Amino acid sequence: MKKYLVGSAFAAAALFAVPNVSDAASIDDHGSLNKGDVNSSVNALQEELKSQGYFKGYTGSTFGPRTLSAVKAYQRDKGISSPSGSYYGVVGPQTLSSLSGSSSSSNTTASSSSSNTKVAGASTTQSSSSVVSAAKQYIGSPYVWGGTSPSGFDCSGFLQYSFKQAGKNVPRTVSQMYSASTKVSSPSVGDIVFFDTRGGPSHAGIYVGNNQFIHAGSSTGVTISSMDSSYWGPRYIGAGRV
């Protein structure tokens, strides 16, 4: 009898020690979300939409028809997109930002000062995450001299367009971006990294982590490259934050 009780106690302890993975999930952990995606961020998305009355029924981790319908309704109500919009039903940077903002505003803290600090930090991280998510949507777009749209980008046009999608305005040329940015000793995700390819800051990309950056290369189009490569490594001149 004693062995049974001890065994039951350990089993119960093990059961309650299992962490709730979904509690730790964040809507923007996986970047943009689309129909067919299966991950923890979809569950967080459904929970947030459900709390605002858009999603009905049980939540899960699959972006299916019910999630798509809820996302579209949310986007229409918030003025984010419409049936004629390019990203209608896609949880991109704007939708992520809006949902994350709603989630943050619903939480209260013990003091207003600590609350302000947390929100400011979240906004910075969220903004950095948003610009990277926006930029990654255009991987494969061709390089076009003077290009400023997904049909063709030059390097600065790509950065300006990506930051605009994330709600930030940056100058048009690399040299102007270099002058306008606050220099940092080591880049963080979302910072602009600059390179000297023909005298002074003349090429730039967005740092995505792991010593990699996304950019519009003249021979590659929009792609992710390593800052340690034999070509980019020697030409790196610093990073800036906007």
Protein backbone atom coordinates (compact mmCIF):
# COMPACT_ATOMS: atom_id res chain seq x y z
CA MET A 1 0.00 0.00 0.00
CA LYS A 2 2.84 2.35 0.85
CA LYS A 3 4.52 1.64 -2.48
CA TYR A 4 1.29 2.42 -4.29
CA LEU A 5 0.87 5.75 -2.46
CA VAL A 6 4.48 6.77 -3.08
CA GLY A 7 4.23 5.82 -6.74
CA SER A 8 0.99 7.80 -7.08
CA ALA A 9 2.58 10.83 -5.44
CA PHE A 10 5.51 10.79 -7.86
CA ALA A 11 3.20 10.33 -10.83
CA ALA A 12 1.09 13.29 -9.72
CA ALA A 13 4.18 15.44 -9.18
CA ALA A 14 5.45 14.57 -12.64
CA LEU A 15 2.07 15.38 -14.16
CA PHE A 16 1.86 18.83 -12.62
CA ALA A 17 5.52 19.56 -13.38
CA VAL A 18 4.94 19.36 -17.13
CA PRO A 19 5.16 22.95 -18.44
CA ASN A 20 2.32 24.41 -20.43
CA VAL A 21 4.08 25.07 -23.74
CA SER A 22 1.26 27.10 -25.20
CA ASP A 23 1.52 29.65 -22.37
CA ALA A 24 5.04 30.50 -23.53
CA ALA A 25 4.10 30.86 -27.19
CA SER A 26 3.96 34.29 -28.81
CA ILE A 27 2.03 35.25 -31.93
CA ASP A 28 5.15 36.55 -33.69
CA ASP A 29 7.52 33.68 -32.77
CA HIS A 30 7.30 32.31 -36.33
CA GLY A 31 7.02 35.55 -38.31
CA SER A 32 4.13 35.93 -40.77
CA LEU A 33 1.38 33.32 -40.57
CA ASN A 34 -0.61 31.89 -43.49
CA LYS A 35 -3.32 29.31 -44.08
CA GLY A 36 -1.80 25.84 -43.75
CA ASP A 37 0.79 26.81 -41.11
CA VAL A 38 1.04 24.48 -38.10
CA ASN A 39 2.94 25.83 -35.08
CA SER A 40 2.59 27.27 -31.58
CA SER A 41 2.17 30.83 -32.89
CA VAL A 42 -1.05 29.78 -34.63
CA ASN A 43 -2.41 28.68 -31.25
CA ALA A 44 -1.43 32.03 -29.70
CA LEU A 45 -3.08 33.78 -32.65
CA GLN A 46 -6.32 31.83 -32.18
CA GLU A 47 -6.36 32.53 -28.44
CA GLU A 48 -5.93 36.27 -29.02
CA LEU A 49 -8.61 36.36 -31.73
CA LYS A 50 -10.91 34.36 -29.46
CA SER A 51 -10.40 36.80 -26.58
CA GLN A 52 -11.55 39.58 -28.91
CA GLY A 53 -14.58 37.64 -30.17
CA TYR A 54 -13.32 36.76 -33.66
CA PHE A 55 -12.46 33.09 -33.25
CA LYS A 56 -15.09 30.55 -32.18
CA GLY A 57 -14.69 27.04 -30.78
CA TYR A 58 -11.66 25.07 -29.70
CA THR A 59 -8.19 26.41 -30.42
CA GLY A 60 -5.32 24.35 -31.81
CA SER A 61 -2.10 24.84 -33.77
CA THR A 62 -3.37 24.64 -37.36
CA PHE A 63 -4.14 27.72 -39.49
CA GLY A 64 -7.30 26.41 -41.16
CA PRO A 65 -10.55 27.88 -42.56
CA ARG A 66 -11.87 29.05 -39.16
CA THR A 67 -8.62 30.88 -38.41
CA LEU A 68 -8.59 32.39 -41.90
CA SER A 69 -12.15 33.66 -41.50
CA ALA A 70 -11.34 35.15 -38.08
CA VAL A 71 -8.19 36.86 -39.39
CA LYS A 72 -10.07 38.39 -42.33
CA ALA A 73 -12.82 39.70 -40.05
CA TYR A 74 -10.21 41.22 -37.71
CA GLN A 75 -8.34 42.86 -40.61
CA ARG A 76 -11.57 44.36 -42.00
CA ASP A 77 -12.66 45.74 -38.63
CA LYS A 78 -9.24 47.23 -37.87
CA GLY A 79 -8.81 48.67 -41.38
CA ILE A 80 -5.67 46.59 -41.94
CA SER A 81 -6.81 44.90 -45.15
CA SER A 82 -9.87 44.10 -47.26
CA PRO A 83 -10.91 41.56 -49.92
CA SER A 84 -9.03 43.65 -52.50
CA GLY A 85 -5.87 43.91 -50.35
CA SER A 86 -2.65 42.05 -51.12
CA TYR A 87 -2.33 40.49 -47.67
CA TYR A 88 -6.01 39.79 -46.90
CA GLY A 89 -6.04 36.75 -44.63
CA VAL A 90 -2.25 36.77 -44.13
CA VAL A 91 -1.01 37.59 -40.63
CA GLY A 92 1.84 39.87 -41.72
CA PRO A 93 3.69 42.68 -39.90
CA GLN A 94 0.70 45.04 -39.61
CA THR A 95 -1.67 42.39 -38.30
CA LEU A 96 0.99 41.01 -35.93
CA SER A 97 1.66 44.50 -34.62
CA SER A 98 -2.04 45.20 -34.08
CA LEU A 99 -2.69 41.89 -32.33
CA SER A 100 0.41 42.15 -30.17
CA GLY A 101 -0.59 45.68 -29.20
CA SER A 102 -4.07 44.52 -28.22
CA SER A 103 -2.62 41.73 -26.14
CA SER A 104 -0.20 44.06 -24.35
CA SER A 105 -2.84 46.67 -23.60
CA SER A 106 -5.05 44.10 -21.90
CA ASN A 107 -2.41 43.29 -19.28
CA THR A 108 -1.92 45.34 -16.11
CA THR A 109 1.19 45.74 -13.96
CA ALA A 110 1.89 46.65 -10.36
CA SER A 111 3.41 50.04 -11.23
CA SER A 112 3.03 52.37 -14.17
CA SER A 113 6.79 52.93 -14.47
CA SER A 114 7.58 49.24 -14.81
CA SER A 115 4.67 48.93 -17.24
CA ASN A 116 6.06 51.71 -19.43
CA THR A 117 9.50 50.11 -19.45
CA LYS A 118 8.10 46.73 -20.48
CA VAL A 119 5.93 48.15 -23.23
CA ALA A 120 8.78 50.23 -24.62
CA GLY A 121 11.03 47.19 -24.72
CA ALA A 122 8.33 45.09 -26.35
CA SER A 123 7.70 47.76 -28.96
CA THR A 124 11.36 47.88 -29.94
CA THR A 125 11.61 44.10 -30.23
CA GLN A 126 8.30 43.91 -32.04
CA SER A 127 9.34 46.59 -34.53
CA SER A 128 12.64 44.82 -35.24
CA SER A 129 10.83 41.53 -35.69
CA SER A 130 8.27 43.16 -37.98
CA VAL A 131 10.81 44.64 -40.39
CA VAL A 132 12.61 41.30 -40.69
CA SER A 133 9.30 39.49 -41.28
CA ALA A 134 8.36 42.05 -43.91
CA ALA A 135 11.74 41.81 -45.65
CA LYS A 136 11.68 38.01 -45.79
CA GLN A 137 8.42 38.08 -47.74
CA TYR A 138 10.34 39.42 -50.75
CA ILE A 139 13.14 36.85 -50.90
CA GLY A 140 13.58 36.00 -54.56
CA SER A 141 12.48 39.41 -55.88
CA PRO A 142 14.81 40.51 -58.69
CA TYR A 143 17.38 43.28 -58.51
CA VAL A 144 16.53 46.35 -60.59
CA TRP A 145 18.62 49.52 -60.56
CA GLY A 146 16.48 52.24 -58.97
CA GLY A 147 13.78 49.67 -58.11
CA THR A 148 11.50 50.35 -55.15
CA SER A 149 8.82 47.64 -55.38
CA PRO A 150 8.54 43.83 -55.21
CA SER A 151 8.71 43.67 -59.00
CA GLY A 152 12.33 44.84 -58.68
CA PHE A 153 14.47 46.40 -55.90
CA ASP A 154 17.85 48.02 -55.64
CA CYS A 155 19.49 47.66 -52.22
CA SER A 156 18.26 50.92 -50.67
CA GLY A 157 14.85 50.66 -52.33
CA PHE A 158 14.44 47.24 -50.71
CA LEU A 159 15.31 48.58 -47.26
CA GLN A 160 13.04 51.60 -47.59
CA TYR A 161 10.14 49.42 -48.74
CA SER A 162 10.63 46.82 -45.96
CA PHE A 163 10.84 49.42 -43.20
CA LYS A 164 7.75 51.16 -44.57
CA GLN A 165 5.82 47.86 -44.35
CA ALA A 166 6.80 47.74 -40.68
CA GLY A 167 5.63 51.32 -40.10
CA LYS A 168 8.99 53.11 -40.26
CA ASN A 169 10.25 55.70 -42.72
CA VAL A 170 13.91 55.67 -43.72
CA PRO A 171 15.81 57.76 -46.30
CA ARG A 172 16.07 56.62 -49.91
CA THR A 173 19.83 56.20 -50.37
CA VAL A 174 22.40 54.15 -48.47
CA SER A 175 24.53 57.18 -47.65
CA GLN A 176 21.47 59.01 -46.27
CA MET A 177 20.55 55.97 -44.17
CA TYR A 178 24.08 55.79 -42.84
CA SER A 179 23.98 59.46 -41.81
CA ALA A 180 20.50 59.21 -40.25
CA SER A 181 21.11 56.03 -38.23
CA THR A 182 22.41 55.77 -34.68
CA LYS A 183 25.62 53.75 -34.87
CA VAL A 184 25.89 50.59 -32.74
CA SER A 185 29.00 48.56 -31.99
CA SER A 186 27.28 45.25 -32.64
CA PRO A 187 24.11 44.81 -34.74
CA SER A 188 20.85 43.45 -33.34
CA VAL A 189 18.02 41.94 -35.36
CA GLY A 190 16.40 44.68 -37.43
CA ASP A 191 19.45 46.97 -37.50
CA ILE A 192 20.89 48.15 -40.81
CA VAL A 193 24.35 46.83 -41.69
CA PHE A 194 26.49 48.89 -44.07
CA PHE A 195 29.18 47.94 -46.57
CA ASP A 196 31.75 49.82 -48.63
CA THR A 197 31.61 48.47 -52.17
CA ARG A 198 32.79 51.54 -54.09
CA GLY A 199 33.98 54.13 -51.57
CA GLY A 200 32.01 54.94 -48.43
CA PRO A 201 28.68 53.39 -47.41
CA SER A 202 27.33 52.09 -50.74
CA HIS A 203 25.45 48.90 -49.91
CA ALA A 204 23.23 47.93 -46.99
CA GLY A 205 21.00 45.18 -45.65
CA ILE A 206 18.91 44.29 -42.60
CA TYR A 207 20.53 42.17 -39.91
CA VAL A 208 18.52 38.98 -39.27
CA GLY A 209 20.74 37.34 -36.62
CA ASN A 210 23.43 34.66 -36.66
CA ASN A 211 25.77 37.03 -38.51
CA GLN A 212 23.46 37.08 -41.52
CA PHE A 213 21.68 39.90 -43.32
CA ILE A 214 18.93 40.19 -45.91
CA HIS A 215 19.53 42.50 -48.87
CA ALA A 216 18.97 43.06 -52.57
CA GLY A 217 22.21 42.02 -54.27
CA SER A 218 22.86 43.09 -57.86
CA SER A 219 23.62 39.50 -58.90
CA THR A 220 21.25 37.67 -56.56
CA GLY A 221 18.14 39.78 -56.05
CA VAL A 222 16.68 39.70 -52.54
CA THR A 223 18.53 37.04 -50.56
CA ILE A 224 20.12 36.30 -47.18
CA SER A 225 23.92 36.40 -47.05
CA SER A 226 26.60 35.80 -44.45
CA MET A 227 28.53 38.76 -43.10
CA ASP A 228 31.49 36.38 -42.75
CA SER A 229 31.67 35.62 -46.47
CA SER A 230 34.88 36.35 -48.34
CA TYR A 231 33.13 39.15 -50.22
CA TRP A 232 31.04 40.90 -47.54
CA GLY A 233 33.31 40.37 -44.54
CA PRO A 234 36.11 42.73 -45.66
CA ARG A 235 33.61 45.34 -46.87
CA TYR A 236 31.56 45.63 -43.67
CA ILE A 237 31.89 49.13 -42.16
CA GLY A 238 29.37 49.11 -39.30
CA ALA A 239 25.75 48.99 -38.22
CA GLY A 240 23.11 51.59 -37.49
CA ARG A 241 19.69 51.71 -35.82
CA VAL A 242 16.75 53.76 -37.12
